Amino acid sequence: MKLIKISKAGNLYFQMSDSRTGIVYPDSGYARISTKYGRNLYQINTKVIVKTGDGNYGFSYRRKEYNTIKLVGMLLRFDLKNCGGLQL
């Protein structure tokens, strides 16, 4: 995983070990990864499931993280687990 670009808005663009793009959006609190075969992005933030009072599924949302270091850590963990590790 290596840093390839920093946008004017402060977003960090990384190239993952398997050539996908990882993007950290510090202002919105999200980290996203591109798909292998397309231009779509999906969020890798922690998913929180909220259940109703009777224990049934209510709704879910992605937890926002505004700490840039933690967002980059999410990308690094994703890279190590799903993209084949680090390229030094």
N, C-alpha and C. Protein backbone atom coordinates (compact mmCIF):
# COMPACT_ATOMS: atom_id res chain seq x y z
N MET A 1 0.85 -1.17 0.00
CA MET A 1 0.00 0.00 0.00
C MET A 1 0.90 1.23 0.00
N LYS A 2 0.62 2.14 -0.94
CA LYS A 2 1.42 3.36 -0.96
C LYS A 2 0.54 4.56 -1.30
N LEU A 3 0.92 5.70 -0.74
CA LEU A 3 0.21 6.95 -0.96
C LEU A 3 0.50 7.42 -2.38
N ILE A 4 -0.56 7.70 -3.15
CA ILE A 4 -0.34 8.15 -4.52
C ILE A 4 -0.79 9.59 -4.76
N LYS A 5 -1.69 10.11 -3.92
CA LYS A 5 -2.18 11.46 -4.15
C LYS A 5 -2.85 12.00 -2.90
N ILE A 6 -2.73 13.32 -2.72
CA ILE A 6 -3.48 14.04 -1.70
C ILE A 6 -4.25 15.14 -2.43
N SER A 7 -5.56 15.12 -2.32
CA SER A 7 -6.38 16.10 -3.03
C SER A 7 -6.38 17.44 -2.30
N LYS A 8 -6.92 18.46 -2.97
CA LYS A 8 -7.02 19.78 -2.35
C LYS A 8 -7.90 19.76 -1.11
N ALA A 9 -8.89 18.87 -1.10
CA ALA A 9 -9.80 18.76 0.05
C ALA A 9 -9.17 17.97 1.20
N GLY A 10 -7.98 17.40 0.99
CA GLY A 10 -7.32 16.65 2.05
C GLY A 10 -7.57 15.16 2.02
N ASN A 11 -8.24 14.68 0.97
CA ASN A 11 -8.48 13.24 0.84
C ASN A 11 -7.19 12.54 0.44
N LEU A 12 -6.97 11.36 1.02
CA LEU A 12 -5.75 10.60 0.76
C LEU A 12 -6.07 9.42 -0.15
N TYR A 13 -5.32 9.29 -1.24
CA TYR A 13 -5.52 8.20 -2.20
C TYR A 13 -4.33 7.25 -2.09
N PHE A 14 -4.64 5.96 -1.91
CA PHE A 14 -3.61 4.94 -1.78
C PHE A 14 -3.79 3.89 -2.87
N GLN A 15 -2.67 3.34 -3.33
CA GLN A 15 -2.72 2.18 -4.21
C GLN A 15 -2.50 0.97 -3.32
N MET A 16 -3.49 0.06 -3.33
CA MET A 16 -3.40 -1.13 -2.51
C MET A 16 -2.47 -2.14 -3.17
N SER A 17 -2.12 -3.20 -2.47
CA SER A 17 -1.17 -4.20 -2.97
C SER A 17 -1.68 -4.92 -4.21
N ASP A 18 -2.99 -5.01 -4.39
CA ASP A 18 -3.54 -5.67 -5.57
C ASP A 18 -4.01 -4.67 -6.63
N SER A 19 -3.47 -3.46 -6.60
CA SER A 19 -3.69 -2.36 -7.55
C SER A 19 -5.06 -1.69 -7.46
N ARG A 20 -5.85 -2.01 -6.45
CA ARG A 20 -7.09 -1.26 -6.22
C ARG A 20 -6.74 0.08 -5.59
N THR A 21 -7.71 0.97 -5.55
CA THR A 21 -7.50 2.28 -4.95
C THR A 21 -8.25 2.36 -3.63
N GLY A 22 -7.56 2.82 -2.61
CA GLY A 22 -8.17 3.08 -1.31
C GLY A 22 -8.18 4.57 -1.07
N ILE A 23 -9.30 5.09 -0.58
CA ILE A 23 -9.44 6.53 -0.38
C ILE A 23 -9.89 6.79 1.05
N VAL A 24 -9.24 7.74 1.69
CA VAL A 24 -9.61 8.17 3.04
C VAL A 24 -10.18 9.57 2.93
N TYR A 25 -11.39 9.74 3.44
CA TYR A 25 -12.06 11.04 3.46
C TYR A 25 -12.10 11.53 4.91
N PRO A 26 -11.10 12.30 5.35
CA PRO A 26 -11.07 12.73 6.76
C PRO A 26 -12.24 13.62 7.17
N ASP A 27 -12.74 14.44 6.26
CA ASP A 27 -13.83 15.36 6.61
C ASP A 27 -15.15 14.63 6.83
N SER A 28 -15.42 13.59 6.03
CA SER A 28 -16.68 12.87 6.18
C SER A 28 -16.56 11.67 7.12
N GLY A 29 -15.33 11.22 7.39
CA GLY A 29 -15.12 10.14 8.34
C GLY A 29 -15.21 8.75 7.73
N TYR A 30 -15.08 8.63 6.40
CA TYR A 30 -15.20 7.33 5.75
C TYR A 30 -13.90 6.91 5.08
N ALA A 31 -13.73 5.60 4.97
CA ALA A 31 -12.66 5.01 4.18
C ALA A 31 -13.34 4.11 3.15
N ARG A 32 -12.90 4.21 1.90
CA ARG A 32 -13.53 3.44 0.83
C ARG A 32 -12.47 2.75 -0.02
N ILE A 33 -12.87 1.63 -0.64
CA ILE A 33 -12.00 0.83 -1.50
C ILE A 33 -12.70 0.65 -2.84
N SER A 34 -11.93 0.73 -3.92
CA SER A 34 -12.52 0.47 -5.23
C SER A 34 -12.67 -1.04 -5.42
N THR A 35 -13.60 -1.42 -6.28
CA THR A 35 -13.77 -2.83 -6.58
C THR A 35 -12.69 -3.26 -7.57
N LYS A 36 -12.47 -4.56 -7.68
CA LYS A 36 -11.41 -5.05 -8.57
C LYS A 36 -11.72 -4.81 -10.04
N TYR A 37 -12.99 -4.90 -10.41
CA TYR A 37 -13.33 -4.85 -11.82
C TYR A 37 -14.26 -3.71 -12.18
N GLY A 38 -14.17 -2.61 -11.47
CA GLY A 38 -15.05 -1.50 -11.78
C GLY A 38 -14.62 -0.23 -11.09
N ARG A 39 -15.41 0.78 -11.26
CA ARG A 39 -15.09 2.07 -10.67
C ARG A 39 -15.92 2.33 -9.42
N ASN A 40 -16.67 1.35 -8.96
CA ASN A 40 -17.49 1.52 -7.77
C ASN A 40 -16.60 1.49 -6.53
N LEU A 41 -17.04 2.18 -5.49
CA LEU A 41 -16.34 2.19 -4.21
C LEU A 41 -17.26 1.61 -3.15
N TYR A 42 -16.68 0.89 -2.19
CA TYR A 42 -17.48 0.45 -1.07
C TYR A 42 -16.79 0.81 0.23
N GLN A 43 -17.60 1.04 1.25
CA GLN A 43 -17.10 1.52 2.54
C GLN A 43 -16.55 0.37 3.35
N ILE A 44 -15.48 0.63 4.08
CA ILE A 44 -14.92 -0.39 4.95
C ILE A 44 -15.04 0.01 6.42
N ASN A 45 -15.76 1.09 6.70
CA ASN A 45 -15.98 1.46 8.10
C ASN A 45 -16.75 0.36 8.81
N THR A 46 -16.63 0.32 10.13
CA THR A 46 -17.31 -0.68 10.94
C THR A 46 -18.81 -0.56 10.80
N LYS A 47 -19.47 -1.67 10.54
CA LYS A 47 -20.92 -1.69 10.41
C LYS A 47 -21.54 -1.94 11.77
N VAL A 48 -22.49 -1.09 12.14
CA VAL A 48 -23.19 -1.21 13.41
C VAL A 48 -24.63 -1.60 13.12
N ILE A 49 -25.08 -2.69 13.73
CA ILE A 49 -26.46 -3.17 13.55
C ILE A 49 -27.25 -2.82 14.80
N VAL A 50 -28.34 -2.11 14.60
CA VAL A 50 -29.21 -1.71 15.70
C VAL A 50 -30.46 -2.57 15.63
N LYS A 51 -30.75 -3.28 16.72
CA LYS A 51 -31.92 -4.15 16.76
C LYS A 51 -33.07 -3.44 17.47
N THR A 52 -34.27 -3.85 17.14
CA THR A 52 -35.45 -3.28 17.78
C THR A 52 -35.60 -3.89 19.18
N GLY A 53 -36.56 -3.41 19.93
CA GLY A 53 -36.77 -3.87 21.30
C GLY A 53 -37.06 -5.35 21.41
N ASP A 54 -37.70 -5.95 20.41
CA ASP A 54 -38.02 -7.38 20.47
C ASP A 54 -36.90 -8.26 19.91
N GLY A 55 -35.75 -7.66 19.59
CA GLY A 55 -34.60 -8.44 19.14
C GLY A 55 -34.52 -8.65 17.64
N ASN A 56 -35.49 -8.14 16.91
CA ASN A 56 -35.45 -8.26 15.46
C ASN A 56 -34.51 -7.23 14.86
N TYR A 57 -34.14 -7.45 13.62
CA TYR A 57 -33.27 -6.52 12.91
C TYR A 57 -33.98 -5.19 12.72
N GLY A 58 -33.34 -4.10 13.10
CA GLY A 58 -33.92 -2.78 12.95
C GLY A 58 -33.32 -2.06 11.75
N PHE A 59 -32.07 -1.64 11.90
CA PHE A 59 -31.37 -0.97 10.81
C PHE A 59 -29.88 -1.05 11.08
N SER A 60 -29.08 -0.66 10.10
CA SER A 60 -27.63 -0.65 10.27
C SER A 60 -27.06 0.64 9.70
N TYR A 61 -25.88 0.99 10.15
CA TYR A 61 -25.17 2.15 9.62
C TYR A 61 -23.68 1.92 9.77
N ARG A 62 -22.89 2.72 9.06
CA ARG A 62 -21.44 2.65 9.15
C ARG A 62 -20.95 3.69 10.14
N ARG A 63 -20.12 3.26 11.07
CA ARG A 63 -19.59 4.16 12.08
C ARG A 63 -18.55 5.09 11.45
N LYS A 64 -18.72 6.38 11.63
CA LYS A 64 -17.76 7.35 11.10
C LYS A 64 -16.57 7.47 12.04
N GLU A 65 -15.41 7.68 11.46
CA GLU A 65 -14.18 7.85 12.23
C GLU A 65 -13.47 9.08 11.69
N TYR A 66 -13.31 10.10 12.52
CA TYR A 66 -12.74 11.36 12.05
C TYR A 66 -11.23 11.46 12.30
N ASN A 67 -10.65 10.45 12.90
CA ASN A 67 -9.21 10.43 13.13
C ASN A 67 -8.53 9.86 11.88
N THR A 68 -7.74 10.68 11.20
CA THR A 68 -7.11 10.26 9.94
C THR A 68 -6.20 9.06 10.13
N ILE A 69 -5.51 9.00 11.24
CA ILE A 69 -4.60 7.87 11.50
C ILE A 69 -5.38 6.57 11.61
N LYS A 70 -6.53 6.60 12.26
CA LYS A 70 -7.36 5.40 12.38
C LYS A 70 -7.94 4.99 11.03
N LEU A 71 -8.31 5.98 10.20
CA LEU A 71 -8.82 5.67 8.87
C LEU A 71 -7.76 5.00 8.00
N VAL A 72 -6.53 5.52 8.06
CA VAL A 72 -5.44 4.90 7.31
C VAL A 72 -5.17 3.51 7.87
N GLY A 73 -5.30 3.33 9.18
CA GLY A 73 -5.15 2.01 9.80
C GLY A 73 -6.19 1.02 9.28
N MET A 74 -7.43 1.50 9.07
CA MET A 74 -8.46 0.63 8.48
C MET A 74 -8.03 0.15 7.10
N LEU A 75 -7.52 1.07 6.29
CA LEU A 75 -7.05 0.70 4.96
C LEU A 75 -5.89 -0.29 5.04
N LEU A 76 -4.97 -0.06 5.96
CA LEU A 76 -3.82 -0.95 6.10
C LEU A 76 -4.26 -2.35 6.52
N ARG A 77 -5.18 -2.45 7.48
CA ARG A 77 -5.69 -3.76 7.88
C ARG A 77 -6.41 -4.46 6.72
N PHE A 78 -7.17 -3.69 5.94
CA PHE A 78 -7.85 -4.26 4.78
C PHE A 78 -6.82 -4.77 3.77
N ASP A 79 -5.76 -3.99 3.56
CA ASP A 79 -4.71 -4.39 2.62
C ASP A 79 -4.03 -5.68 3.07
N LEU A 80 -3.70 -5.76 4.35
CA LEU A 80 -3.04 -6.96 4.86
C LEU A 80 -3.94 -8.19 4.78
N LYS A 81 -5.23 -8.01 5.04
CA LYS A 81 -6.15 -9.14 5.08
C LYS A 81 -6.64 -9.57 3.70
N ASN A 82 -6.93 -8.61 2.82
CA ASN A 82 -7.64 -8.91 1.57
C ASN A 82 -6.87 -8.66 0.28
N CYS A 83 -5.75 -7.96 0.36
CA CYS A 83 -5.09 -7.54 -0.88
C CYS A 83 -3.71 -8.18 -1.07
N GLY A 84 -3.29 -9.03 -0.18
CA GLY A 84 -2.00 -9.68 -0.35
C GLY A 84 -0.85 -9.05 0.41
N GLY A 85 -1.14 -8.18 1.33
CA GLY A 85 -0.10 -7.64 2.19
C GLY A 85 0.56 -6.39 1.65
N LEU A 86 1.68 -6.04 2.28
CA LEU A 86 2.40 -4.82 1.95
C LEU A 86 3.40 -5.07 0.84
N GLN A 87 3.57 -4.05 0.01
CA GLN A 87 4.65 -4.05 -0.98
C GLN A 87 5.64 -3.00 -0.56
N LEU A 88 6.82 -3.41 -0.23
CA LEU A 88 7.84 -2.46 0.21
C LEU A 88 8.77 -2.09 -0.91
